[in-house]
Amino acid sequence: MITPDKVPMPMDDDGNFTDIIKEYAGQNFKAADEQIMKDLKDQGRLIAKGTIVHSYPFCWRSESPLMYRAVDTWFIKVTEVKD
């Protein structure tokens, strides 16, 4: 079983890579896309590169791209407290 303390989180709360990903530390996860693809190509690991148009989650206030990531959470069984 994967526990929250075992799940690697390579991005901070602002969407920047942490020191876990040394090559891109401090870079925003979206801004690093081109460099990551270039590095993969240079290493012979890029299979294909293209553009796929699809819906992507954006913040309704700032219109900045959102990221999906694992976060620590906790839940309360409310039915034990109140019907």
PDB file of N, CA and C in Angstrom:
ATOM      1  N   MET A   1       0.837  -1.181   0.000  1.00  0.00           N
ATOM      2  CA  MET A   1       0.000   0.000   0.000  1.00  0.00           C
ATOM      3  C   MET A   1       0.886   1.250   0.000  1.00  0.00           C
ATOM      4  N   ILE A   2       0.525   2.207  -0.813  1.00  0.00           N
ATOM      5  CA  ILE A   2       1.263   3.466  -0.844  1.00  0.00           C
ATOM      6  C   ILE A   2       0.692   4.383   0.228  1.00  0.00           C
ATOM      7  N   THR A   3       1.558   4.896   1.058  1.00  0.00           N
ATOM      8  CA  THR A   3       1.133   5.828   2.092  1.00  0.00           C
ATOM      9  C   THR A   3       1.591   7.227   1.704  1.00  0.00           C
ATOM     10  N   PRO A   4       0.922   8.276   2.223  1.00  0.00           N
ATOM     11  CA  PRO A   4       1.287   9.644   1.832  1.00  0.00           C
ATOM     12  C   PRO A   4       2.751   9.987   2.036  1.00  0.00           C
ATOM     13  N   ASP A   5       3.387   9.392   3.041  1.00  0.00           N
ATOM     14  CA  ASP A   5       4.802   9.704   3.264  1.00  0.00           C
ATOM     15  C   ASP A   5       5.711   8.972   2.263  1.00  0.00           C
ATOM     16  N   LYS A   6       5.149   8.074   1.461  1.00  0.00           N
ATOM     17  CA  LYS A   6       5.925   7.334   0.470  1.00  0.00           C
ATOM     18  C   LYS A   6       5.674   7.839  -0.953  1.00  0.00           C
ATOM     19  N   VAL A   7       4.654   8.654  -1.160  1.00  0.00           N
ATOM     20  CA  VAL A   7       4.348   9.159  -2.495  1.00  0.00           C
ATOM     21  C   VAL A   7       5.263  10.336  -2.801  1.00  0.00           C
ATOM     22  N   PRO A   8       6.095  10.211  -3.825  1.00  0.00           N
ATOM     23  CA  PRO A   8       6.982  11.340  -4.152  1.00  0.00           C
ATOM     24  C   PRO A   8       6.180  12.500  -4.722  1.00  0.00           C
ATOM     25  N   MET A   9       6.466  13.712  -4.289  1.00  0.00           N
ATOM     26  CA  MET A   9       5.799  14.891  -4.799  1.00  0.00           C
ATOM     27  C   MET A   9       6.861  15.815  -5.362  1.00  0.00           C
ATOM     28  N   PRO A  10       7.033  15.791  -6.678  1.00  0.00           N
ATOM     29  CA  PRO A  10       8.098  16.584  -7.287  1.00  0.00           C
ATOM     30  C   PRO A  10       7.763  18.047  -7.495  1.00  0.00           C
ATOM     31  N   MET A  11       6.547  18.486  -7.071  1.00  0.00           N
ATOM     32  CA  MET A  11       6.166  19.892  -7.240  1.00  0.00           C
ATOM     33  C   MET A  11       5.737  20.505  -5.922  1.00  0.00           C
ATOM     34  N   ASP A  12       6.018  21.793  -5.777  1.00  0.00           N
ATOM     35  CA  ASP A  12       5.575  22.505  -4.579  1.00  0.00           C
ATOM     36  C   ASP A  12       4.160  23.042  -4.801  1.00  0.00           C
ATOM     37  N   ASP A  13       3.634  23.769  -3.827  1.00  0.00           N
ATOM     38  CA  ASP A  13       2.271  24.289  -3.906  1.00  0.00           C
ATOM     39  C   ASP A  13       2.066  25.300  -5.028  1.00  0.00           C
ATOM     40  N   ASP A  14       3.139  25.878  -5.535  1.00  0.00           N
ATOM     41  CA  ASP A  14       3.034  26.849  -6.629  1.00  0.00           C
ATOM     42  C   ASP A  14       3.202  26.212  -8.002  1.00  0.00           C
ATOM     43  N   GLY A  15       3.387  24.888  -8.056  1.00  0.00           N
ATOM     44  CA  GLY A  15       3.538  24.199  -9.331  1.00  0.00           C
ATOM     45  C   GLY A  15       4.950  24.214  -9.879  1.00  0.00           C
ATOM     46  N   ASN A  16       5.927  24.480  -9.019  1.00  0.00           N
ATOM     47  CA  ASN A  16       7.327  24.474  -9.435  1.00  0.00           C
ATOM     48  C   ASN A  16       7.980  23.169  -9.010  1.00  0.00           C
ATOM     49  N   PHE A  17       8.836  22.632  -9.882  1.00  0.00           N
ATOM     50  CA  PHE A  17       9.545  21.405  -9.528  1.00  0.00           C
ATOM     51  C   PHE A  17      10.445  21.657  -8.324  1.00  0.00           C
ATOM     52  N   THR A  18      10.497  20.659  -7.436  1.00  0.00           N
ATOM     53  CA  THR A  18      11.345  20.734  -6.251  1.00  0.00           C
ATOM     54  C   THR A  18      12.703  20.099  -6.562  1.00  0.00           C
ATOM     55  N   ASP A  19      13.552  20.013  -5.568  1.00  0.00           N
ATOM     56  CA  ASP A  19      14.878  19.427  -5.731  1.00  0.00           C
ATOM     57  C   ASP A  19      14.844  17.934  -6.034  1.00  0.00           C
ATOM     58  N   ILE A  20      13.676  17.310  -5.881  1.00  0.00           N
ATOM     59  CA  ILE A  20      13.553  15.886  -6.225  1.00  0.00           C
ATOM     60  C   ILE A  20      13.862  15.697  -7.711  1.00  0.00           C
ATOM     61  N   ILE A  21      13.471  16.681  -8.526  1.00  0.00           N
ATOM     62  CA  ILE A  21      13.747  16.670  -9.964  1.00  0.00           C
ATOM     63  C   ILE A  21      14.811  17.735 -10.211  1.00  0.00           C
ATOM     64  N   LYS A  22      16.035  17.371  -9.984  1.00  0.00           N
ATOM     65  CA  LYS A  22      17.137  18.333  -9.989  1.00  0.00           C
ATOM     66  C   LYS A  22      17.265  19.128 -11.290  1.00  0.00           C
ATOM     67  N   GLU A  23      17.046  18.468 -12.440  1.00  0.00           N
ATOM     68  CA  GLU A  23      17.220  19.147 -13.727  1.00  0.00           C
ATOM     69  C   GLU A  23      16.243  20.299 -13.937  1.00  0.00           C
ATOM     70  N   TYR A  24      15.103  20.251 -13.277  1.00  0.00           N
ATOM     71  CA  TYR A  24      14.065  21.262 -13.505  1.00  0.00           C
ATOM     72  C   TYR A  24      13.658  21.982 -12.215  1.00  0.00           C
ATOM     73  N   ALA A  25      14.445  21.835 -11.171  1.00  0.00           N
ATOM     74  CA  ALA A  25      14.120  22.449  -9.875  1.00  0.00           C
ATOM     75  C   ALA A  25      13.873  23.946 -10.042  1.00  0.00           C
ATOM     76  N   GLY A  26      12.774  24.405  -9.467  1.00  0.00           N
ATOM     77  CA  GLY A  26      12.424  25.823  -9.516  1.00  0.00           C
ATOM     78  C   GLY A  26      11.605  26.222 -10.724  1.00  0.00           C
ATOM     79  N   GLN A  27      11.530  25.357 -11.754  1.00  0.00           N
ATOM     80  CA  GLN A  27      10.753  25.689 -12.946  1.00  0.00           C
ATOM     81  C   GLN A  27       9.299  25.285 -12.769  1.00  0.00           C
ATOM     82  N   ASN A  28       8.393  26.074 -13.325  1.00  0.00           N
ATOM     83  CA  ASN A  28       6.973  25.747 -13.309  1.00  0.00           C
ATOM     84  C   ASN A  28       6.732  24.506 -14.161  1.00  0.00           C
ATOM     85  N   PHE A  29       5.803  23.676 -13.719  1.00  0.00           N
ATOM     86  CA  PHE A  29       5.567  22.402 -14.399  1.00  0.00           C
ATOM     87  C   PHE A  29       5.124  22.566 -15.846  1.00  0.00           C
ATOM     88  N   LYS A  30       4.420  23.628 -16.185  1.00  0.00           N
ATOM     89  CA  LYS A  30       4.010  23.855 -17.575  1.00  0.00           C
ATOM     90  C   LYS A  30       5.123  24.513 -18.377  1.00  0.00           C
ATOM     91  N   ALA A  31       5.845  25.422 -17.757  1.00  0.00           N
ATOM     92  CA  ALA A  31       6.927  26.124 -18.452  1.00  0.00           C
ATOM     93  C   ALA A  31       8.066  25.173 -18.811  1.00  0.00           C
ATOM     94  N   ALA A  32       8.196  24.079 -18.079  1.00  0.00           N
ATOM     95  CA  ALA A  32       9.294  23.129 -18.314  1.00  0.00           C
ATOM     96  C   ALA A  32       8.990  22.136 -19.433  1.00  0.00           C
ATOM     97  N   ASP A  33       7.772  22.132 -19.962  1.00  0.00           N
ATOM     98  CA  ASP A  33       7.390  21.151 -20.987  1.00  0.00           C
ATOM     99  C   ASP A  33       8.376  21.070 -22.147  1.00  0.00           C
ATOM    100  N   GLU A  34       8.692  22.192 -22.756  1.00  0.00           N
ATOM    101  CA  GLU A  34       9.572  22.191 -23.931  1.00  0.00           C
ATOM    102  C   GLU A  34      10.961  21.647 -23.604  1.00  0.00           C
ATOM    103  N   GLN A  35      11.504  22.054 -22.452  1.00  0.00           N
ATOM    104  CA  GLN A  35      12.841  21.570 -22.067  1.00  0.00           C
ATOM    105  C   GLN A  35      12.811  20.073 -21.776  1.00  0.00           C
ATOM    106  N   ILE A  36      11.758  19.604 -21.137  1.00  0.00           N
ATOM    107  CA  ILE A  36      11.637  18.171 -20.846  1.00  0.00           C
ATOM    108  C   ILE A  36      11.589  17.374 -22.154  1.00  0.00           C
ATOM    109  N   MET A  37      10.782  17.860 -23.122  1.00  0.00           N
ATOM    110  CA  MET A  37      10.709  17.160 -24.407  1.00  0.00           C
ATOM    111  C   MET A  37      12.041  17.195 -25.150  1.00  0.00           C
ATOM    112  N   LYS A  38      12.750  18.310 -25.075  1.00  0.00           N
ATOM    113  CA  LYS A  38      14.067  18.413 -25.711  1.00  0.00           C
ATOM    114  C   LYS A  38      15.043  17.427 -25.075  1.00  0.00           C
ATOM    115  N   ASP A  39      15.028  17.363 -23.743  1.00  0.00           N
ATOM    116  CA  ASP A  39      15.925  16.444 -23.040  1.00  0.00           C
ATOM    117  C   ASP A  39      15.597  14.988 -23.385  1.00  0.00           C
ATOM    118  N   LEU A  40      14.315  14.659 -23.463  1.00  0.00           N
ATOM    119  CA  LEU A  40      13.920  13.299 -23.829  1.00  0.00           C
ATOM    120  C   LEU A  40      14.395  12.967 -25.246  1.00  0.00           C
ATOM    121  N   LYS A  41      14.260  13.917 -26.150  1.00  0.00           N
ATOM    122  CA  LYS A  41      14.724  13.708 -27.529  1.00  0.00           C
ATOM    123  C   LYS A  41      16.236  13.506 -27.558  1.00  0.00           C
ATOM    124  N   ASP A  42      16.974  14.352 -26.833  1.00  0.00           N
ATOM    125  CA  ASP A  42      18.439  14.240 -26.792  1.00  0.00           C
ATOM    126  C   ASP A  42      18.900  12.893 -26.234  1.00  0.00           C
ATOM    127  N   GLN A  43      18.100  12.314 -25.337  1.00  0.00           N
ATOM    128  CA  GLN A  43      18.434  11.022 -24.725  1.00  0.00           C
ATOM    129  C   GLN A  43      17.907   9.835 -25.541  1.00  0.00           C
ATOM    130  N   GLY A  44      17.238  10.130 -26.661  1.00  0.00           N
ATOM    131  CA  GLY A  44      16.673   9.067 -27.485  1.00  0.00           C
ATOM    132  C   GLY A  44      15.463   8.410 -26.872  1.00  0.00           C
ATOM    133  N   ARG A  45      14.776   9.114 -25.975  1.00  0.00           N
ATOM    134  CA  ARG A  45      13.621   8.536 -25.275  1.00  0.00           C
ATOM    135  C   ARG A  45      12.284   9.130 -25.714  1.00  0.00           C
ATOM    136  N   LEU A  46      12.310  10.100 -26.593  1.00  0.00           N
ATOM    137  CA  LEU A  46      11.072  10.712 -27.073  1.00  0.00           C
ATOM    138  C   LEU A  46      10.540   9.884 -28.236  1.00  0.00           C
ATOM    139  N   ILE A  47       9.368   9.327 -28.072  1.00  0.00           N
ATOM    140  CA  ILE A  47       8.779   8.466 -29.097  1.00  0.00           C
ATOM    141  C   ILE A  47       8.069   9.307 -30.147  1.00  0.00           C
ATOM    142  N   ALA A  48       7.302  10.269 -29.709  1.00  0.00           N
ATOM    143  CA  ALA A  48       6.575  11.143 -30.634  1.00  0.00           C
ATOM    144  C   ALA A  48       6.303  12.463 -29.942  1.00  0.00           C
ATOM    145  N   LYS A  49       6.199  13.503 -30.739  1.00  0.00           N
ATOM    146  CA  LYS A  49       5.876  14.824 -30.201  1.00  0.00           C
ATOM    147  C   LYS A  49       4.789  15.418 -31.087  1.00  0.00           C
ATOM    148  N   GLY A  50       3.744  15.888 -30.471  1.00  0.00           N
ATOM    149  CA  GLY A  50       2.643  16.453 -31.228  1.00  0.00           C
ATOM    150  C   GLY A  50       1.764  17.292 -30.323  1.00  0.00           C
ATOM    151  N   THR A  51       0.725  17.800 -30.906  1.00  0.00           N
ATOM    152  CA  THR A  51      -0.226  18.605 -30.148  1.00  0.00           C
ATOM    153  C   THR A  51      -1.586  17.934 -30.190  1.00  0.00           C
ATOM    154  N   ILE A  52      -2.164  17.755 -29.037  1.00  0.00           N
ATOM    155  CA  ILE A  52      -3.512  17.211 -28.926  1.00  0.00           C
ATOM    156  C   ILE A  52      -4.364  18.288 -28.286  1.00  0.00           C
ATOM    157  N   VAL A  53      -5.409  18.688 -28.956  1.00  0.00           N
ATOM    158  CA  VAL A  53      -6.300  19.703 -28.421  1.00  0.00           C
ATOM    159  C   VAL A  53      -7.341  19.012 -27.542  1.00  0.00           C
ATOM    160  N   HIS A  54      -7.369  19.397 -26.294  1.00  0.00           N
ATOM    161  CA  HIS A  54      -8.330  18.818 -25.357  1.00  0.00           C
ATOM    162  C   HIS A  54      -8.625  19.841 -24.275  1.00  0.00           C
ATOM    163  N   SER A  55      -9.670  19.590 -23.536  1.00  0.00           N
ATOM    164  CA  SER A  55      -9.980  20.505 -22.444  1.00  0.00           C
ATOM    165  C   SER A  55      -8.944  20.308 -21.341  1.00  0.00           C
ATOM    166  N   TYR A  56      -8.603  21.378 -20.690  1.00  0.00           N
ATOM    167  CA  TYR A  56      -7.599  21.336 -19.640  1.00  0.00           C
ATOM    168  C   TYR A  56      -8.112  22.195 -18.490  1.00  0.00           C
ATOM    169  N   PRO A  57      -7.915  21.763 -17.258  1.00  0.00           N
ATOM    170  CA  PRO A  57      -8.449  22.541 -16.138  1.00  0.00           C
ATOM    171  C   PRO A  57      -7.675  23.838 -15.904  1.00  0.00           C
ATOM    172  N   PHE A  58      -8.414  24.917 -15.823  1.00  0.00           N
ATOM    173  CA  PHE A  58      -7.836  26.229 -15.540  1.00  0.00           C
ATOM    174  C   PHE A  58      -8.559  26.834 -14.346  1.00  0.00           C
ATOM    175  N   CYS A  59      -7.847  27.634 -13.572  1.00  0.00           N
ATOM    176  CA  CYS A  59      -8.439  28.354 -12.452  1.00  0.00           C
ATOM    177  C   CYS A  59      -9.416  29.386 -13.006  1.00  0.00           C
ATOM    178  N   TRP A  60     -10.621  29.407 -12.487  1.00  0.00           N
ATOM    179  CA  TRP A  60     -11.636  30.335 -12.989  1.00  0.00           C
ATOM    180  C   TRP A  60     -11.315  31.782 -12.645  1.00  0.00           C
ATOM    181  N   ARG A  61     -10.470  31.997 -11.626  1.00  0.00           N
ATOM    182  CA  ARG A  61     -10.129  33.372 -11.248  1.00  0.00           C
ATOM    183  C   ARG A  61      -8.903  33.894 -11.990  1.00  0.00           C
ATOM    184  N   SER A  62      -7.837  33.101 -11.992  1.00  0.00           N
ATOM    185  CA  SER A  62      -6.581  33.581 -12.577  1.00  0.00           C
ATOM    186  C   SER A  62      -6.355  33.083 -14.004  1.00  0.00           C
ATOM    187  N   GLU A  63      -7.167  32.125 -14.431  1.00  0.00           N
ATOM    188  CA  GLU A  63      -7.040  31.501 -15.744  1.00  0.00           C
ATOM    189  C   GLU A  63      -5.692  30.810 -15.948  1.00  0.00           C
ATOM    190  N   SER A  64      -5.043  30.443 -14.846  1.00  0.00           N
ATOM    191  CA  SER A  64      -3.779  29.717 -14.931  1.00  0.00           C
ATOM    192  C   SER A  64      -4.071  28.213 -14.937  1.00  0.00           C
ATOM    193  N   PRO A  65      -3.199  27.409 -15.579  1.00  0.00           N
ATOM    194  CA  PRO A  65      -3.442  25.967 -15.627  1.00  0.00           C
ATOM    195  C   PRO A  65      -3.339  25.341 -14.239  1.00  0.00           C
ATOM    196  N   LEU A  66      -4.205  24.389 -13.984  1.00  0.00           N
ATOM    197  CA  LEU A  66      -4.196  23.672 -12.711  1.00  0.00           C
ATOM    198  C   LEU A  66      -3.403  22.387 -12.870  1.00  0.00           C
ATOM    199  N   MET A  67      -2.931  21.860 -11.770  1.00  0.00           N
ATOM    200  CA  MET A  67      -2.175  20.610 -11.813  1.00  0.00           C
ATOM    201  C   MET A  67      -2.857  19.600 -10.898  1.00  0.00           C
ATOM    202  N   TYR A  68      -2.767  18.347 -11.299  1.00  0.00           N
ATOM    203  CA  TYR A  68      -3.244  17.261 -10.460  1.00  0.00           C
ATOM    204  C   TYR A  68      -2.045  16.727  -9.696  1.00  0.00           C
ATOM    205  N   ARG A  69      -2.211  16.520  -8.411  1.00  0.00           N
ATOM    206  CA  ARG A  69      -1.113  15.986  -7.615  1.00  0.00           C
ATOM    207  C   ARG A  69      -1.648  15.355  -6.346  1.00  0.00           C
ATOM    208  N   ALA A  70      -0.848  14.487  -5.774  1.00  0.00           N
ATOM    209  CA  ALA A  70      -1.218  13.840  -4.520  1.00  0.00           C
ATOM    210  C   ALA A  70      -1.019  14.831  -3.377  1.00  0.00           C
ATOM    211  N   VAL A  71      -1.976  14.899  -2.491  1.00  0.00           N
ATOM    212  CA  VAL A  71      -1.876  15.780  -1.327  1.00  0.00           C
ATOM    213  C   VAL A  71      -2.346  15.020  -0.089  1.00  0.00           C
ATOM    214  N   ASP A  72      -1.826  15.419   1.055  1.00  0.00           N
ATOM    215  CA  ASP A  72      -2.286  14.842   2.308  1.00  0.00           C
ATOM    216  C   ASP A  72      -3.703  15.338   2.585  1.00  0.00           C
ATOM    217  N   THR A  73      -4.587  14.424   2.953  1.00  0.00           N
ATOM    218  CA  THR A  73      -5.963  14.791   3.298  1.00  0.00           C
ATOM    219  C   THR A  73      -6.408  13.992   4.508  1.00  0.00           C
ATOM    220  N   TRP A  74      -7.444  14.446   5.113  1.00  0.00           N
ATOM    221  CA  TRP A  74      -8.066  13.680   6.184  1.00  0.00           C
ATOM    222  C   TRP A  74      -9.573  13.881   6.079  1.00  0.00           C
ATOM    223  N   PHE A  75     -10.315  12.882   6.569  1.00  0.00           N
ATOM    224  CA  PHE A  75     -11.761  12.888   6.446  1.00  0.00           C
ATOM    225  C   PHE A  75     -12.383  12.607   7.808  1.00  0.00           C
ATOM    226  N   ILE A  76     -13.556  13.149   8.004  1.00  0.00           N
ATOM    227  CA  ILE A  76     -14.315  12.906   9.232  1.00  0.00           C
ATOM    228  C   ILE A  76     -15.593  12.185   8.852  1.00  0.00           C
ATOM    229  N   LYS A  77     -15.884  11.112   9.547  1.00  0.00           N
ATOM    230  CA  LYS A  77     -17.135  10.396   9.322  1.00  0.00           C
ATOM    231  C   LYS A  77     -18.241  11.172  10.045  1.00  0.00           C
ATOM    232  N   VAL A  78     -18.835  12.108   9.331  1.00  0.00           N
ATOM    233  CA  VAL A  78     -19.804  13.040   9.905  1.00  0.00           C
ATOM    234  C   VAL A  78     -21.023  12.311  10.465  1.00  0.00           C
ATOM    235  N   THR A  79     -21.393  11.193   9.853  1.00  0.00           N
ATOM    236  CA  THR A  79     -22.572  10.467  10.342  1.00  0.00           C
ATOM    237  C   THR A  79     -22.383   9.952  11.760  1.00  0.00           C
ATOM    238  N   GLU A  80     -21.136   9.838  12.210  1.00  0.00           N
ATOM    239  CA  GLU A  80     -20.882   9.456  13.596  1.00  0.00           C
ATOM    240  C   GLU A  80     -21.170  10.609  14.545  1.00  0.00           C
ATOM    241  N   VAL A  81     -21.122  11.837  14.038  1.00  0.00           N
ATOM    242  CA  VAL A  81     -21.303  13.032  14.848  1.00  0.00           C
ATOM    243  C   VAL A  81     -22.736  13.548  14.758  1.00  0.00           C
ATOM    244  N   LYS A  82     -23.292  13.502  13.548  1.00  0.00           N
ATOM    245  CA  LYS A  82     -24.623  14.062  13.326  1.00  0.00           C
ATOM    246  C   LYS A  82     -25.315  13.300  12.214  1.00  0.00           C
ATOM    247  N   ASP A  83     -26.620  13.096  12.369  1.00  0.00           N
ATOM    248  CA  ASP A  83     -27.408  12.431  11.322  1.00  0.00           C
ATOM    249  C   ASP A  83     -27.501  13.307  10.093  1.00  0.00           C
TER     250      ASP A  83
END
